[in-house]
């Protein structure tokens, strides 16, 4: 089969960096139709799992008769859904300046368009732009949460009228590469996806499911999980990330009632460092208590009150303001917190750095979210959860 675009050159153009060996392997399995080989991908945190999106797009351009026309990226964290959407938008912007890939994708359209890639987000408290429904032949990236994607797959989509439920199910359940990121968080949903995939008769346009996780065991899969190869382990950038030193200090307390006060005290040790301090706790109440205590003490010391919080109970509009998904109006109470949060995103720290910044979060920011910090303070927890903290 003649390939219209070169993977390595195109991948670097879309992402701004070269592909890792495992990403190239993912692409090769996809473009040749070896879906069983990528049914389960066990890739460590921080090694570009969302870059499966540009790998799919390039594979689709080179093998449109094999590769599913739509990609649905599902993860049970709204913040990760938003970051995946941002990644897709960035890819689409770069797509416009790659004539070969652009032309290859335009040939697939039933309804002609200058930019042959639609992007939609399906999550709570966020309006669906419905671009993914306009042209079944059009390449589409849908980022969504488990409940909104899963309900549509089962012909019972949230906020869908009875006439729209069947077409929604068809667009989600056929001719789709569904990537279930952080699959270990929702084993029941993964079982459902596998059952739907197995129930469909073999054909070019059936649902294809990818179980993506740093801890996936691939139980019930035909092949061993796709994981890091010897080429990956010898890659300079991967070695740098896997072997980055992260020292851990344990601070005993007499009672769990001392938890919030101790964490506040440890976080304040860095008050004049000018660095980014990430705090993880288990409850929303502790997030509020620690945030209020930090703000009060920073004000007392006449230091910048750069404190932001991230929890699963935030309203959709507040979350969008905080993460920068929607421009925050000037003078809005969340404007300062948004600037603080943006410091924890890759490549933004140099622009917004002003004094020490604190981000206090529950598990809403614990798994899969792309955050960068100089130090982290966390509460007492099981070892498995501590490993996730350290990995992030």
Protein backbone atom coordinates (compact mmCIF):
# COMPACT_ATOMS: atom_id res chain seq x y z
CA UNK A 1 0.00 0.00 0.00
CA UNK A 2 1.36 3.41 -1.00
CA UNK A 3 1.57 5.77 1.97
CA UNK A 4 0.83 9.38 1.11
CA UNK A 5 2.52 10.99 4.11
CA UNK A 6 5.66 10.13 6.07
CA UNK A 7 4.82 9.27 9.67
CA UNK A 8 7.92 10.61 11.41
CA UNK A 9 7.95 13.94 9.57
CA UNK A 10 4.20 14.43 9.91
CA UNK A 11 4.09 13.43 13.58
CA UNK A 12 6.80 15.95 14.45
CA UNK A 13 4.97 18.63 12.47
CA UNK A 14 1.69 18.01 14.33
CA UNK A 15 3.15 17.68 17.82
CA UNK A 16 6.37 19.70 17.77
CA UNK A 17 8.54 16.74 18.82
CA UNK A 18 9.72 13.39 17.39
CA UNK A 19 7.69 10.24 17.97
CA UNK A 20 8.75 7.75 20.61
CA UNK A 21 9.32 4.18 19.36
CA UNK A 22 6.12 2.93 21.05
CA UNK A 23 4.10 5.65 19.28
CA UNK A 24 5.58 4.55 15.96
CA UNK A 25 4.67 0.92 16.77
CA UNK A 26 1.12 2.00 17.64
CA UNK A 27 0.87 3.70 14.24
CA UNK A 28 2.24 0.68 12.34
CA UNK A 29 -0.25 -1.69 13.97
CA UNK A 30 -3.06 0.75 13.25
CA UNK A 31 -2.20 1.42 9.61
CA UNK A 32 -1.94 -2.33 8.87
CA UNK A 33 -5.20 -3.16 10.64
CA UNK A 34 -3.60 -5.19 13.44
CA UNK A 35 -6.09 -3.97 16.05
CA UNK A 36 -5.52 -6.89 18.42
CA UNK A 37 -1.93 -5.75 18.93
CA UNK A 38 -3.10 -2.37 20.27
CA UNK A 39 -6.21 -3.58 22.11
CA UNK A 40 -4.29 -3.00 25.35
CA UNK A 41 -1.47 -0.44 25.74
CA UNK A 42 0.49 -0.34 29.00
CA UNK A 43 2.44 2.93 28.83
CA UNK A 44 3.90 4.71 31.90
CA UNK A 45 2.66 8.13 32.95
CA UNK A 46 4.24 11.07 31.15
CA UNK A 47 5.18 9.32 27.91
CA UNK A 48 2.65 10.85 25.55
CA UNK A 49 -0.46 8.67 25.65
CA UNK A 50 -2.56 11.48 24.11
CA UNK A 51 -0.20 11.40 21.11
CA UNK A 52 -2.17 8.37 19.97
CA UNK A 53 -4.43 11.08 18.49
CA UNK A 54 -1.97 12.34 15.80
CA UNK A 55 -0.84 8.74 15.20
CA UNK A 56 -4.46 7.83 14.35
CA UNK A 57 -4.85 10.87 12.08
CA UNK A 58 -1.73 10.01 10.05
CA UNK A 59 -2.78 6.36 9.83
CA UNK A 60 -6.22 7.42 8.57
CA UNK A 61 -4.63 9.53 5.81
CA UNK A 62 -2.47 6.60 4.72
CA UNK A 63 -5.01 3.77 5.07
CA UNK A 64 -8.59 5.15 5.01
CA UNK A 65 -10.03 1.78 4.03
CA UNK A 66 -8.61 0.18 7.19
CA UNK A 67 -8.47 2.85 9.89
CA UNK A 68 -11.73 3.99 11.57
CA UNK A 69 -12.96 7.39 10.41
CA UNK A 70 -13.67 8.70 13.92
CA UNK A 71 -11.59 8.71 17.08
CA UNK A 72 -13.38 8.85 20.45
CA UNK A 73 -11.07 9.58 23.39
CA UNK A 74 -12.72 8.68 26.70
CA UNK A 75 -11.42 9.30 30.20
CA UNK A 76 -13.19 9.58 33.54
CA UNK A 77 -11.71 12.98 34.44
CA UNK A 78 -13.23 16.18 33.10
CA UNK A 79 -9.95 18.07 33.32
CA UNK A 80 -8.22 15.40 31.21
CA UNK A 81 -11.07 15.56 28.68
CA UNK A 82 -10.46 19.31 28.37
CA UNK A 83 -6.71 18.83 27.98
CA UNK A 84 -7.32 16.18 25.30
CA UNK A 85 -9.57 18.63 23.47
CA UNK A 86 -6.84 21.29 23.65
CA UNK A 87 -4.38 18.76 22.23
CA UNK A 88 -6.74 18.02 19.34
CA UNK A 89 -7.25 21.72 18.61
CA UNK A 90 -3.49 22.25 18.54
CA UNK A 91 -3.12 19.37 16.08
CA UNK A 92 -5.84 20.81 13.83
CA UNK A 93 -4.11 24.20 13.75
CA UNK A 94 -0.85 22.58 12.62
CA UNK A 95 -2.72 20.41 10.13
CA UNK A 96 -3.54 23.53 8.09
CA UNK A 97 0.17 24.02 7.31
CA UNK A 98 0.82 20.44 6.14
CA UNK A 99 -0.41 20.31 2.48
CA UNK A 100 0.07 16.54 1.97
CA UNK A 101 -1.85 15.47 5.07
CA UNK A 102 -4.50 18.11 4.47
CA UNK A 103 -5.09 16.93 0.89
CA UNK A 104 -5.22 13.26 1.94
CA UNK A 105 -7.91 13.96 4.53
CA UNK A 106 -9.92 16.24 2.23
CA UNK A 107 -10.32 13.34 -0.21
CA UNK A 108 -12.34 11.49 2.45
CA UNK A 109 -15.06 14.13 2.82
CA UNK A 110 -18.61 13.79 1.55
CA UNK A 111 -19.19 17.48 2.22
CA UNK A 112 -16.17 19.51 1.12
CA UNK A 113 -14.40 21.70 3.67
CA UNK A 114 -11.11 23.59 3.85
CA UNK A 115 -10.27 22.01 7.21
CA UNK A 116 -11.23 18.31 7.09
CA UNK A 117 -11.22 17.56 10.82
CA UNK A 118 -14.01 18.14 13.33
CA UNK A 119 -13.49 18.28 17.11
CA UNK A 120 -16.23 17.87 19.70
CA UNK A 121 -16.33 17.55 23.48
CA UNK A 122 -18.85 15.42 25.36
CA UNK A 123 -18.78 16.09 29.07
CA UNK A 124 -21.13 17.41 31.73
CA UNK A 125 -21.84 21.16 31.86
CA UNK A 126 -20.36 21.66 28.38
CA UNK A 127 -22.39 22.35 25.23
CA UNK A 128 -21.88 19.82 22.44
CA UNK A 129 -21.03 21.64 19.18
CA UNK A 130 -22.46 18.62 17.28
CA UNK A 131 -19.73 18.79 14.61
CA UNK A 132 -19.17 15.05 15.03
CA UNK A 133 -22.69 14.38 13.69
CA UNK A 134 -22.61 16.52 10.54
CA UNK A 135 -20.82 14.23 8.07
CA UNK A 136 -20.32 10.47 8.70
CA UNK A 137 -17.41 10.47 6.22
CA UNK A 138 -15.59 13.34 7.92
CA UNK A 139 -12.61 12.58 10.21
CA UNK A 140 -13.67 13.45 13.76
CA UNK A 141 -12.06 13.62 17.19
CA UNK A 142 -14.47 13.36 20.11
CA UNK A 143 -13.18 13.77 23.67
CA UNK A 144 -15.64 12.77 26.35
CA UNK A 145 -16.35 11.38 29.78
CA UNK A 146 -17.49 7.84 30.49
CA UNK A 147 -21.10 8.76 31.23
CA UNK A 148 -21.79 10.87 28.14
CA UNK A 149 -20.02 8.56 25.70
CA UNK A 150 -21.27 5.36 27.35
CA UNK A 151 -24.90 6.47 27.45
CA UNK A 152 -24.82 7.23 23.72
CA UNK A 153 -23.26 3.87 22.96
CA UNK A 154 -26.20 2.23 24.77
CA UNK A 155 -28.86 4.14 22.77
CA UNK A 156 -29.74 6.30 25.78
CA UNK A 157 -27.62 9.42 25.44
CA UNK A 158 -27.91 12.03 28.16
CA UNK A 159 -29.69 15.18 26.91
CA UNK A 160 -30.69 13.37 23.69
CA UNK A 161 -34.22 13.27 22.29
CA UNK A 162 -35.65 9.88 21.33
CA UNK A 163 -35.08 10.56 17.61
CA UNK A 164 -31.41 11.43 18.07
CA UNK A 165 -30.44 8.46 20.26
CA UNK A 166 -30.07 5.89 17.41
CA UNK A 167 -27.85 8.10 15.19
CA UNK A 168 -25.73 9.02 18.21
CA UNK A 169 -25.26 5.31 19.00
CA UNK A 170 -24.36 4.61 15.38
CA UNK A 171 -21.77 7.39 15.20
CA UNK A 172 -20.17 6.26 18.48
CA UNK A 173 -20.47 2.52 17.94
CA UNK A 174 -19.40 2.04 14.32
CA UNK A 175 -16.33 3.08 12.31
CA UNK A 176 -14.72 4.34 15.54
CA UNK A 177 -11.38 3.89 17.26
CA UNK A 178 -12.36 4.31 20.90
CA UNK A 179 -9.39 4.98 23.19
CA UNK A 180 -10.22 4.44 26.85
CA UNK A 181 -7.54 6.35 28.73
CA UNK A 182 -6.82 5.57 32.39
CA UNK A 183 -8.91 2.44 31.86
CA UNK A 184 -8.06 1.09 35.32
CA UNK A 185 -10.35 3.77 36.81
CA UNK A 186 -13.44 2.28 35.13
CA UNK A 187 -13.09 -1.52 34.74
CA UNK A 188 -16.86 -1.94 34.32
CA UNK A 189 -16.90 0.47 31.39
CA UNK A 190 -13.95 -1.34 29.81
CA UNK A 191 -15.86 -4.62 30.11
CA UNK A 192 -18.84 -2.99 28.40
CA UNK A 193 -16.66 -1.72 25.54
CA UNK A 194 -15.11 -5.15 25.03
CA UNK A 195 -18.58 -6.74 25.00
CA UNK A 196 -19.92 -4.30 22.40
CA UNK A 197 -16.85 -4.81 20.23
CA UNK A 198 -17.09 -8.61 20.46
CA UNK A 199 -20.82 -8.56 19.68
CA UNK A 200 -20.29 -6.81 16.36
CA UNK A 201 -19.64 -8.95 13.29
CA UNK A 202 -16.19 -8.62 11.78
CA UNK A 203 -15.97 -5.91 9.16
CA UNK A 204 -14.04 -2.87 8.13
CA UNK A 205 -16.26 -0.44 9.99
CA UNK A 206 -16.80 -2.04 13.39
CA UNK A 207 -15.92 -0.48 16.74
CA UNK A 208 -12.25 -0.84 17.69
CA UNK A 209 -11.32 -0.39 21.35
CA UNK A 210 -7.94 0.53 22.83
CA UNK A 211 -7.45 0.04 26.58
CA UNK A 212 -4.86 2.66 27.56
CA UNK A 213 -3.33 2.76 31.03
CA UNK A 214 -0.03 2.78 32.89
CA UNK A 215 -1.20 -0.17 35.00
CA UNK A 216 -3.33 -2.23 32.59
CA UNK A 217 -2.87 -6.00 32.77
CA UNK A 218 -4.67 -6.77 29.50
CA UNK A 219 -6.79 -9.55 31.01
CA UNK A 220 -8.76 -11.39 28.34
CA UNK A 221 -6.85 -9.86 25.41
CA UNK A 222 -5.49 -12.01 22.60
CA UNK A 223 -2.09 -10.32 22.60
CA UNK A 224 0.31 -9.09 25.23
CA UNK A 225 -0.16 -5.37 25.99
CA UNK A 226 1.76 -2.95 23.81
CA UNK A 227 4.42 -1.59 26.14
CA UNK A 228 7.84 0.01 26.07
CA UNK A 229 10.37 -1.82 23.91
CA UNK A 230 14.16 -1.92 24.15
CA UNK A 231 14.23 1.00 21.70
CA UNK A 232 12.00 3.00 24.03
CA UNK A 233 14.10 2.22 27.09
CA UNK A 234 17.22 3.40 25.29
CA UNK A 235 15.59 6.63 24.06
CA UNK A 236 17.27 9.62 25.72
CA UNK A 237 14.06 11.53 26.45
CA UNK A 238 12.25 8.48 27.84
CA UNK A 239 15.24 7.60 30.03
CA UNK A 240 15.24 11.15 31.35
CA UNK A 241 11.56 10.96 32.31
CA UNK A 242 11.58 7.43 33.71
CA UNK A 243 14.67 7.97 35.85
CA UNK A 244 13.96 11.50 37.07
CA UNK A 245 14.76 11.67 40.77
CA UNK A 246 11.81 12.30 43.07
CA UNK A 247 12.74 12.19 46.73
CA UNK A 248 10.01 11.39 49.26
CA UNK A 249 9.97 12.54 52.88
CA UNK A 250 7.51 11.05 55.37
CA UNK A 251 6.13 13.24 58.16
CA UNK A 252 4.25 11.29 60.87
CA UNK A 253 1.27 12.82 62.69
CA UNK A 254 -0.52 11.69 65.83
CA UNK A 255 -4.05 11.94 64.43
CA UNK A 256 -5.80 12.46 61.10
CA UNK A 257 -7.24 15.65 62.60
CA UNK A 258 -3.76 17.16 62.26
CA UNK A 259 -3.63 16.36 58.56
CA UNK A 260 -4.69 19.71 57.08
CA UNK A 261 -2.61 21.78 59.52
CA UNK A 262 0.52 19.69 58.87
CA UNK A 263 0.11 19.91 55.10
CA UNK A 264 -0.38 23.68 55.33
CA UNK A 265 2.77 24.00 57.41
CA UNK A 266 4.84 21.92 54.97
CA UNK A 267 3.51 23.85 51.99
CA UNK A 268 4.40 27.17 53.67
CA UNK A 269 8.02 26.04 53.96
CA UNK A 270 8.25 27.01 50.28
CA UNK A 271 6.39 30.32 50.61
CA UNK A 272 9.35 32.42 49.48
CA UNK A 273 10.82 29.98 46.97
CA UNK A 274 9.00 31.35 43.91
CA UNK A 275 8.21 27.77 42.89
CA UNK A 276 5.07 25.77 42.04
CA UNK A 277 3.73 23.72 44.95
CA UNK A 278 1.14 21.01 44.30
CA UNK A 279 -0.99 19.70 47.17
CA UNK A 280 -3.11 16.52 46.98
CA UNK A 281 -5.72 15.64 49.62
CA UNK A 282 -8.67 13.26 49.68
CA UNK A 283 -11.63 15.50 50.52
CA UNK A 284 -13.11 18.76 49.22
CA UNK A 285 -13.41 19.99 52.82
CA UNK A 286 -9.66 19.65 53.33
CA UNK A 287 -8.99 21.42 50.02
CA UNK A 288 -11.01 24.42 51.23
CA UNK A 289 -9.43 24.41 54.68
CA UNK A 290 -5.87 24.30 53.35
CA UNK A 291 -6.54 26.91 50.64
CA UNK A 292 -8.04 29.32 53.19
CA UNK A 293 -5.17 28.78 55.64
CA UNK A 294 -2.53 29.33 52.95
CA UNK A 295 -4.22 32.48 51.67
CA UNK A 296 -4.51 33.89 55.19
CA UNK A 297 -0.86 33.21 56.02
CA UNK A 298 0.46 34.55 52.70
CA UNK A 299 -1.52 37.74 53.22
CA UNK A 300 -0.11 38.03 56.72
CA UNK A 301 3.44 37.70 55.36
CA UNK A 302 2.63 40.22 52.58
CA UNK A 303 3.37 37.64 49.89
CA UNK A 304 1.37 37.07 46.65
CA UNK A 305 -1.81 35.15 47.45
CA UNK A 306 -1.35 32.77 44.52
CA UNK A 307 -3.60 29.90 45.57
CA UNK A 308 -5.95 27.89 43.34
CA UNK A 309 -8.05 24.78 43.90
CA UNK A 310 -9.19 21.93 41.65
CA UNK A 311 -11.99 19.57 42.68
CA UNK A 312 -14.59 17.42 40.97
CA UNK A 313 -17.40 19.47 42.50
CA UNK A 314 -16.58 22.66 40.60
CA UNK A 315 -19.23 23.94 38.21
CA UNK A 316 -18.43 23.55 34.52
CA UNK A 317 -18.11 27.29 33.87
CA UNK A 318 -15.81 27.73 36.87
CA UNK A 319 -13.63 24.86 35.65
CA UNK A 320 -13.46 26.34 32.16
CA UNK A 321 -12.42 29.72 33.55
CA UNK A 322 -9.80 28.09 35.76
CA UNK A 323 -8.22 25.93 33.06
CA UNK A 324 -8.34 28.63 30.40
CA UNK A 325 -10.80 26.69 28.19
CA UNK A 326 -12.91 29.88 28.17
CA UNK A 327 -11.47 33.36 28.52
CA UNK A 328 -12.10 34.62 32.04
CA UNK A 329 -13.67 38.12 32.11
CA UNK A 330 -11.37 40.84 33.42
CA UNK A 331 -11.92 41.42 37.11
CA UNK A 332 -13.66 38.06 37.65
CA UNK A 333 -12.85 36.44 41.04
CA UNK A 334 -11.35 33.45 39.21
CA UNK A 335 -8.98 35.54 37.08
CA UNK A 336 -6.13 35.33 39.61
CA UNK A 337 -6.75 31.62 40.23
CA UNK A 338 -6.69 30.98 36.49
CA UNK A 339 -3.27 32.61 36.22
CA UNK A 340 -2.09 30.43 39.11
CA UNK A 341 -3.43 27.24 37.50
CA UNK A 342 -1.81 28.04 34.15
CA UNK A 343 1.57 28.05 35.87
CA UNK A 344 1.17 24.31 36.47
CA UNK A 345 0.63 23.57 32.78
CA UNK A 346 3.61 22.72 30.55
CA UNK A 347 5.59 25.68 29.13
CA UNK A 348 3.49 28.37 30.85
CA UNK A 349 5.49 28.88 34.04
CA UNK A 350 8.01 31.35 32.61
CA UNK A 351 5.27 33.62 31.33
CA UNK A 352 3.14 33.83 34.46
CA UNK A 353 5.70 33.29 37.22
CA UNK A 354 5.32 35.74 40.11
CA UNK A 355 6.08 34.42 43.57
CA UNK A 356 5.20 30.96 44.88
CA UNK A 357 2.07 29.35 43.45
CA UNK A 358 -0.08 26.74 45.20
CA UNK A 359 -2.55 24.34 43.58
CA UNK A 360 -4.62 22.26 46.02
CA UNK A 361 -6.49 19.36 44.45
CA UNK A 362 -8.49 16.23 45.13
CA UNK A 363 -8.30 13.18 42.85
CA UNK A 364 -9.75 15.44 40.10
CA UNK A 365 -6.14 16.39 39.33
CA UNK A 366 -4.53 13.16 40.46
CA UNK A 367 -4.81 10.89 37.42
CA UNK A 368 -3.91 11.72 33.85
CA UNK A 369 -3.91 15.50 34.18
CA UNK A 370 -0.80 17.10 32.73
CA UNK A 371 0.49 19.18 35.66
CA UNK A 372 4.05 20.27 36.43
CA UNK A 373 5.32 21.36 39.85
CA UNK A 374 8.57 21.78 41.77
CA UNK A 375 7.31 20.19 45.00
CA UNK A 376 4.31 18.17 46.10
CA UNK A 377 2.71 17.70 49.51
CA UNK A 378 0.18 14.89 49.94
CA UNK A 379 -1.86 13.38 52.73
CA UNK A 380 -1.38 9.94 54.27
CA UNK A 381 -2.69 7.30 51.87
CA UNK A 382 -2.27 3.77 50.63
CA UNK A 383 0.96 2.94 48.83
CA UNK A 384 -0.81 2.49 45.47
CA UNK A 385 -2.12 6.04 45.61
CA UNK A 386 1.24 7.40 46.73
CA UNK A 387 2.81 5.84 43.63
CA UNK A 388 0.32 7.72 41.42
CA UNK A 389 1.17 10.97 43.20
CA UNK A 390 4.89 10.40 42.63
CA UNK A 391 4.42 9.41 38.98
CA UNK A 392 2.52 12.59 38.26
